Amino acid sequence: MNDRVTLSHVYYEMRVYGKYLRVHAIDPDSGQEAMATGPLSMGETTLKNNAKRKLEYILTKKRREGRS
């Protein structure tokens, strides 16, 4: 069964902490948020993708738990 959540719209919040970048991905519909942190050298796009994928995983997991 493929009931994986894919988000078309995500809000991002980014903060720099020294040599690290923390990215929060926020689902505007549910308000759920996920965070990814890594060195600045990883790049903003990579960290945004990681945060979004983590958010999709969390929402998928919650959806599956709600059905059981």
PDB file of N, CA and C in Angstrom:
ATOM      1  N   MET A   1       0.849  -1.167   0.000  1.00  0.00           N
ATOM      2  CA  MET A   1       0.000   0.000   0.000  1.00  0.00           C
ATOM      3  C   MET A   1       0.900   1.238   0.000  1.00  0.00           C
ATOM      4  N   ASN A   2       0.641   2.145  -0.956  1.00  0.00           N
ATOM      5  CA  ASN A   2       1.446   3.351  -1.058  1.00  0.00           C
ATOM      6  C   ASN A   2       0.592   4.559  -0.683  1.00  0.00           C
ATOM      7  N   ASP A   3       0.583   4.890   0.589  1.00  0.00           N
ATOM      8  CA  ASP A   3      -0.169   6.056   1.048  1.00  0.00           C
ATOM      9  C   ASP A   3       0.783   7.138   1.543  1.00  0.00           C
ATOM     10  N   ARG A   4       1.927   7.208   0.901  1.00  0.00           N
ATOM     11  CA  ARG A   4       2.954   8.167   1.297  1.00  0.00           C
ATOM     12  C   ARG A   4       2.493   9.602   1.010  1.00  0.00           C
ATOM     13  N   VAL A   5       2.718  10.470   1.960  1.00  0.00           N
ATOM     14  CA  VAL A   5       2.358  11.877   1.822  1.00  0.00           C
ATOM     15  C   VAL A   5       3.422  12.595   0.997  1.00  0.00           C
ATOM     16  N   THR A   6       2.989  13.367   0.006  1.00  0.00           N
ATOM     17  CA  THR A   6       3.894  14.241  -0.733  1.00  0.00           C
ATOM     18  C   THR A   6       3.315  15.644  -0.655  1.00  0.00           C
ATOM     19  N   LEU A   7       4.141  16.571  -0.258  1.00  0.00           N
ATOM     20  CA  LEU A   7       3.688  17.938  -0.049  1.00  0.00           C
ATOM     21  C   LEU A   7       4.022  18.810  -1.250  1.00  0.00           C
ATOM     22  N   SER A   8       3.056  19.598  -1.692  1.00  0.00           N
ATOM     23  CA  SER A   8       3.301  20.507  -2.803  1.00  0.00           C
ATOM     24  C   SER A   8       3.708  21.892  -2.310  1.00  0.00           C
ATOM     25  N   HIS A   9       3.349  22.211  -1.058  1.00  0.00           N
ATOM     26  CA  HIS A   9       3.689  23.528  -0.516  1.00  0.00           C
ATOM     27  C   HIS A   9       4.218  23.370   0.906  1.00  0.00           C
ATOM     28  N   VAL A  10       5.382  23.929   1.144  1.00  0.00           N
ATOM     29  CA  VAL A  10       6.026  23.849   2.457  1.00  0.00           C
ATOM     30  C   VAL A  10       6.627  25.217   2.768  1.00  0.00           C
ATOM     31  N   TYR A  11       6.486  25.654   4.010  1.00  0.00           N
ATOM     32  CA  TYR A  11       7.162  26.870   4.467  1.00  0.00           C
ATOM     33  C   TYR A  11       8.495  26.465   5.088  1.00  0.00           C
ATOM     34  N   TYR A  12       9.511  27.291   4.867  1.00  0.00           N
ATOM     35  CA  TYR A  12      10.832  27.026   5.423  1.00  0.00           C
ATOM     36  C   TYR A  12      11.274  28.185   6.304  1.00  0.00           C
ATOM     37  N   GLU A  13      11.934  27.832   7.389  1.00  0.00           N
ATOM     38  CA  GLU A  13      12.565  28.820   8.258  1.00  0.00           C
ATOM     39  C   GLU A  13      14.007  28.376   8.438  1.00  0.00           C
ATOM     40  N   MET A  14      14.948  29.284   8.188  1.00  0.00           N
ATOM     41  CA  MET A  14      16.360  28.928   8.259  1.00  0.00           C
ATOM     42  C   MET A  14      17.086  29.846   9.225  1.00  0.00           C
ATOM     43  N   ARG A  15      17.987  29.248   9.992  1.00  0.00           N
ATOM     44  CA  ARG A  15      18.811  30.001  10.933  1.00  0.00           C
ATOM     45  C   ARG A  15      20.237  29.482  10.884  1.00  0.00           C
ATOM     46  N   VAL A  16      21.164  30.412  10.947  1.00  0.00           N
ATOM     47  CA  VAL A  16      22.580  30.050  10.964  1.00  0.00           C
ATOM     48  C   VAL A  16      23.058  30.099  12.406  1.00  0.00           C
ATOM     49  N   TYR A  17      23.721  29.028  12.814  1.00  0.00           N
ATOM     50  CA  TYR A  17      24.336  28.928  14.137  1.00  0.00           C
ATOM     51  C   TYR A  17      25.816  28.637  13.933  1.00  0.00           C
ATOM     52  N   GLY A  18      26.610  29.685  13.877  1.00  0.00           N
ATOM     53  CA  GLY A  18      28.040  29.498  13.644  1.00  0.00           C
ATOM     54  C   GLY A  18      28.295  28.907  12.264  1.00  0.00           C
ATOM     55  N   LYS A  19      28.837  27.694  12.241  1.00  0.00           N
ATOM     56  CA  LYS A  19      29.142  27.014  10.977  1.00  0.00           C
ATOM     57  C   LYS A  19      28.017  26.083  10.539  1.00  0.00           C
ATOM     58  N   TYR A  20      26.869  26.132  11.226  1.00  0.00           N
ATOM     59  CA  TYR A  20      25.765  25.223  10.937  1.00  0.00           C
ATOM     60  C   TYR A  20      24.521  25.978  10.498  1.00  0.00           C
ATOM     61  N   LEU A  21      23.722  25.311   9.679  1.00  0.00           N
ATOM     62  CA  LEU A  21      22.454  25.848   9.223  1.00  0.00           C
ATOM     63  C   LEU A  21      21.347  24.925   9.706  1.00  0.00           C
ATOM     64  N   ARG A  22      20.343  25.497  10.331  1.00  0.00           N
ATOM     65  CA  ARG A  22      19.183  24.729  10.791  1.00  0.00           C
ATOM     66  C   ARG A  22      17.992  25.144   9.946  1.00  0.00           C
ATOM     67  N   VAL A  23      17.327  24.145   9.335  1.00  0.00           N
ATOM     68  CA  VAL A  23      16.175  24.400   8.478  1.00  0.00           C
ATOM     69  C   VAL A  23      14.953  23.720   9.078  1.00  0.00           C
ATOM     70  N   HIS A  24      13.897  24.497   9.248  1.00  0.00           N
ATOM     71  CA  HIS A  24      12.612  23.966   9.695  1.00  0.00           C
ATOM     72  C   HIS A  24      11.691  23.932   8.485  1.00  0.00           C
ATOM     73  N   ALA A  25      11.061  22.799   8.222  1.00  0.00           N
ATOM     74  CA  ALA A  25      10.047  22.672   7.175  1.00  0.00           C
ATOM     75  C   ALA A  25       8.695  22.577   7.876  1.00  0.00           C
ATOM     76  N   ILE A  26       7.744  23.402   7.434  1.00  0.00           N
ATOM     77  CA  ILE A  26       6.450  23.481   8.100  1.00  0.00           C
ATOM     78  C   ILE A  26       5.341  23.239   7.091  1.00  0.00           C
ATOM     79  N   ASP A  27       4.449  22.305   7.418  1.00  0.00           N
ATOM     80  CA  ASP A  27       3.278  22.035   6.597  1.00  0.00           C
ATOM     81  C   ASP A  27       2.211  23.072   6.960  1.00  0.00           C
ATOM     82  N   PRO A  28       1.780  23.908   6.008  1.00  0.00           N
ATOM     83  CA  PRO A  28       0.819  24.954   6.334  1.00  0.00           C
ATOM     84  C   PRO A  28      -0.564  24.432   6.710  1.00  0.00           C
ATOM     85  N   ASP A  29      -0.917  23.238   6.277  1.00  0.00           N
ATOM     86  CA  ASP A  29      -2.243  22.685   6.570  1.00  0.00           C
ATOM     87  C   ASP A  29      -2.343  22.125   7.981  1.00  0.00           C
ATOM     88  N   SER A  30      -1.340  21.378   8.395  1.00  0.00           N
ATOM     89  CA  SER A  30      -1.402  20.721   9.709  1.00  0.00           C
ATOM     90  C   SER A  30      -0.618  21.479  10.791  1.00  0.00           C
ATOM     91  N   GLY A  31       0.321  22.324  10.382  1.00  0.00           N
ATOM     92  CA  GLY A  31       1.166  23.006  11.342  1.00  0.00           C
ATOM     93  C   GLY A  31       2.321  22.144  11.838  1.00  0.00           C
ATOM     94  N   GLN A  32       2.394  20.913  11.353  1.00  0.00           N
ATOM     95  CA  GLN A  32       3.474  19.997  11.735  1.00  0.00           C
ATOM     96  C   GLN A  32       4.791  20.525  11.184  1.00  0.00           C
ATOM     97  N   GLU A  33       5.860  20.300  11.932  1.00  0.00           N
ATOM     98  CA  GLU A  33       7.155  20.792  11.491  1.00  0.00           C
ATOM     99  C   GLU A  33       8.236  19.744  11.716  1.00  0.00           C
ATOM    100  N   ALA A  34       9.260  19.809  10.853  1.00  0.00           N
ATOM    101  CA  ALA A  34      10.421  18.924  10.965  1.00  0.00           C
ATOM    102  C   ALA A  34      11.660  19.777  10.775  1.00  0.00           C
ATOM    103  N   MET A  35      12.774  19.308  11.339  1.00  0.00           N
ATOM    104  CA  MET A  35      13.998  20.087  11.320  1.00  0.00           C
ATOM    105  C   MET A  35      15.157  19.263  10.781  1.00  0.00           C
ATOM    106  N   ALA A  36      16.024  19.935  10.028  1.00  0.00           N
ATOM    107  CA  ALA A  36      17.275  19.330   9.569  1.00  0.00           C
ATOM    108  C   ALA A  36      18.396  20.318   9.871  1.00  0.00           C
ATOM    109  N   THR A  37      19.494  19.802  10.372  1.00  0.00           N
ATOM    110  CA  THR A  37      20.650  20.637  10.694  1.00  0.00           C
ATOM    111  C   THR A  37      21.890  20.035  10.057  1.00  0.00           C
ATOM    112  N   GLY A  38      22.751  20.893   9.539  1.00  0.00           N
ATOM    113  CA  GLY A  38      23.989  20.419   8.945  1.00  0.00           C
ATOM    114  C   GLY A  38      24.964  21.561   8.761  1.00  0.00           C
ATOM    115  N   PRO A  39      26.175  21.242   8.363  1.00  0.00           N
ATOM    116  CA  PRO A  39      27.167  22.292   8.131  1.00  0.00           C
ATOM    117  C   PRO A  39      26.759  23.170   6.951  1.00  0.00           C
ATOM    118  N   LEU A  40      27.159  24.425   6.982  1.00  0.00           N
ATOM    119  CA  LEU A  40      26.837  25.345   5.892  1.00  0.00           C
ATOM    120  C   LEU A  40      27.313  24.806   4.538  1.00  0.00           C
ATOM    121  N   SER A  41      28.376  24.015   4.554  1.00  0.00           N
ATOM    122  CA  SER A  41      28.928  23.482   3.309  1.00  0.00           C
ATOM    123  C   SER A  41      27.978  22.504   2.609  1.00  0.00           C
ATOM    124  N   MET A  42      26.995  21.961   3.331  1.00  0.00           N
ATOM    125  CA  MET A  42      26.019  21.057   2.698  1.00  0.00           C
ATOM    126  C   MET A  42      25.133  21.809   1.715  1.00  0.00           C
ATOM    127  N   GLY A  43      24.910  23.063   1.979  1.00  0.00           N
ATOM    128  CA  GLY A  43      24.086  23.874   1.093  1.00  0.00           C
ATOM    129  C   GLY A  43      22.638  23.938   1.551  1.00  0.00           C
ATOM    130  N   GLU A  44      22.039  25.071   1.277  1.00  0.00           N
ATOM    131  CA  GLU A  44      20.655  25.326   1.680  1.00  0.00           C
ATOM    132  C   GLU A  44      19.677  24.356   1.019  1.00  0.00           C
ATOM    133  N   THR A  45      19.865  24.091  -0.271  1.00  0.00           N
ATOM    134  CA  THR A  45      18.939  23.223  -1.006  1.00  0.00           C
ATOM    135  C   THR A  45      18.925  21.815  -0.437  1.00  0.00           C
ATOM    136  N   THR A  46      20.076  21.267  -0.140  1.00  0.00           N
ATOM    137  CA  THR A  46      20.159  19.914   0.416  1.00  0.00           C
ATOM    138  C   THR A  46      19.452  19.832   1.758  1.00  0.00           C
ATOM    139  N   LEU A  47      19.692  20.814   2.620  1.00  0.00           N
ATOM    140  CA  LEU A  47      19.064  20.797   3.938  1.00  0.00           C
ATOM    141  C   LEU A  47      17.551  21.015   3.842  1.00  0.00           C
ATOM    142  N   LYS A  48      17.115  21.837   2.896  1.00  0.00           N
ATOM    143  CA  LYS A  48      15.673  22.029   2.693  1.00  0.00           C
ATOM    144  C   LYS A  48      15.022  20.719   2.233  1.00  0.00           C
ATOM    145  N   ASN A  49      15.679  20.031   1.314  1.00  0.00           N
ATOM    146  CA  ASN A  49      15.146  18.744   0.842  1.00  0.00           C
ATOM    147  C   ASN A  49      15.091  17.726   1.976  1.00  0.00           C
ATOM    148  N   ASN A  50      16.130  17.685   2.807  1.00  0.00           N
ATOM    149  CA  ASN A  50      16.152  16.750   3.938  1.00  0.00           C
ATOM    150  C   ASN A  50      15.028  17.056   4.920  1.00  0.00           C
ATOM    151  N   ALA A  51      14.815  18.330   5.221  1.00  0.00           N
ATOM    152  CA  ALA A  51      13.749  18.713   6.152  1.00  0.00           C
ATOM    153  C   ALA A  51      12.375  18.374   5.573  1.00  0.00           C
ATOM    154  N   LYS A  52      12.191  18.612   4.278  1.00  0.00           N
ATOM    155  CA  LYS A  52      10.904  18.302   3.637  1.00  0.00           C
ATOM    156  C   LYS A  52      10.631  16.807   3.644  1.00  0.00           C
ATOM    157  N   ARG A  53      11.648  16.012   3.306  1.00  0.00           N
ATOM    158  CA  ARG A  53      11.479  14.551   3.302  1.00  0.00           C
ATOM    159  C   ARG A  53      11.168  14.037   4.696  1.00  0.00           C
ATOM    160  N   LYS A  54      11.807  14.610   5.704  1.00  0.00           N
ATOM    161  CA  LYS A  54      11.541  14.216   7.087  1.00  0.00           C
ATOM    162  C   LYS A  54      10.107  14.574   7.473  1.00  0.00           C
ATOM    163  N   LEU A  55       9.641  15.746   7.048  1.00  0.00           N
ATOM    164  CA  LEU A  55       8.268  16.163   7.319  1.00  0.00           C
ATOM    165  C   LEU A  55       7.271  15.225   6.643  1.00  0.00           C
ATOM    166  N   GLU A  56       7.535  14.869   5.403  1.00  0.00           N
ATOM    167  CA  GLU A  56       6.660  13.930   4.694  1.00  0.00           C
ATOM    168  C   GLU A  56       6.629  12.574   5.397  1.00  0.00           C
ATOM    169  N   TYR A  57       7.772  12.121   5.890  1.00  0.00           N
ATOM    170  CA  TYR A  57       7.836  10.856   6.630  1.00  0.00           C
ATOM    171  C   TYR A  57       6.972  10.928   7.892  1.00  0.00           C
ATOM    172  N   ILE A  58       7.093  12.029   8.631  1.00  0.00           N
ATOM    173  CA  ILE A  58       6.320  12.187   9.865  1.00  0.00           C
ATOM    174  C   ILE A  58       4.823  12.186   9.569  1.00  0.00           C
ATOM    175  N   LEU A  59       4.414  12.913   8.536  1.00  0.00           N
ATOM    176  CA  LEU A  59       2.989  12.977   8.189  1.00  0.00           C
ATOM    177  C   LEU A  59       2.466  11.624   7.699  1.00  0.00           C
ATOM    178  N   THR A  60       3.297  10.905   6.940  1.00  0.00           N
ATOM    179  CA  THR A  60       2.910   9.567   6.476  1.00  0.00           C
ATOM    180  C   THR A  60       2.734   8.628   7.660  1.00  0.00           C
ATOM    181  N   LYS A  61       3.661   8.678   8.590  1.00  0.00           N
ATOM    182  CA  LYS A  61       3.601   7.827   9.777  1.00  0.00           C
ATOM    183  C   LYS A  61       2.345   8.138  10.594  1.00  0.00           C
ATOM    184  N   LYS A  62       2.042   9.409  10.777  1.00  0.00           N
ATOM    185  CA  LYS A  62       0.838   9.786  11.524  1.00  0.00           C
ATOM    186  C   LYS A  62      -0.429   9.331  10.818  1.00  0.00           C
ATOM    187  N   ARG A  63      -0.440   9.412   9.481  1.00  0.00           N
ATOM    188  CA  ARG A  63      -1.604   8.975   8.705  1.00  0.00           C
ATOM    189  C   ARG A  63      -1.823   7.466   8.881  1.00  0.00           C
ATOM    190  N   ARG A  64      -0.734   6.709   8.817  1.00  0.00           N
ATOM    191  CA  ARG A  64      -0.829   5.251   8.959  1.00  0.00           C
ATOM    192  C   ARG A  64      -1.293   4.869  10.370  1.00  0.00           C
ATOM    193  N   GLU A  65      -0.784   5.564  11.393  1.00  0.00           N
ATOM    194  CA  GLU A  65      -1.188   5.271  12.769  1.00  0.00           C
ATOM    195  C   GLU A  65      -2.667   5.597  12.995  1.00  0.00           C
ATOM    196  N   GLY A  66      -3.155   6.607  12.309  1.00  0.00           N
ATOM    197  CA  GLY A  66      -4.553   7.001  12.441  1.00  0.00           C
ATOM    198  C   GLY A  66      -5.499   5.977  11.855  1.00  0.00           C
ATOM    199  N   ARG A  67      -5.043   5.183  10.908  1.00  0.00           N
ATOM    200  CA  ARG A  67      -5.899   4.172  10.264  1.00  0.00           C
ATOM    201  C   ARG A  67      -5.975   2.888  11.071  1.00  0.00           C
ATOM    202  N   SER A  68      -4.986   2.633  11.945  1.00  0.00           N
ATOM    203  CA  SER A  68      -4.979   1.365  12.662  1.00  0.00           C
ATOM    204  C   SER A  68      -5.902   1.383  13.841  1.00  0.00           C
TER     205      SER A  68
END
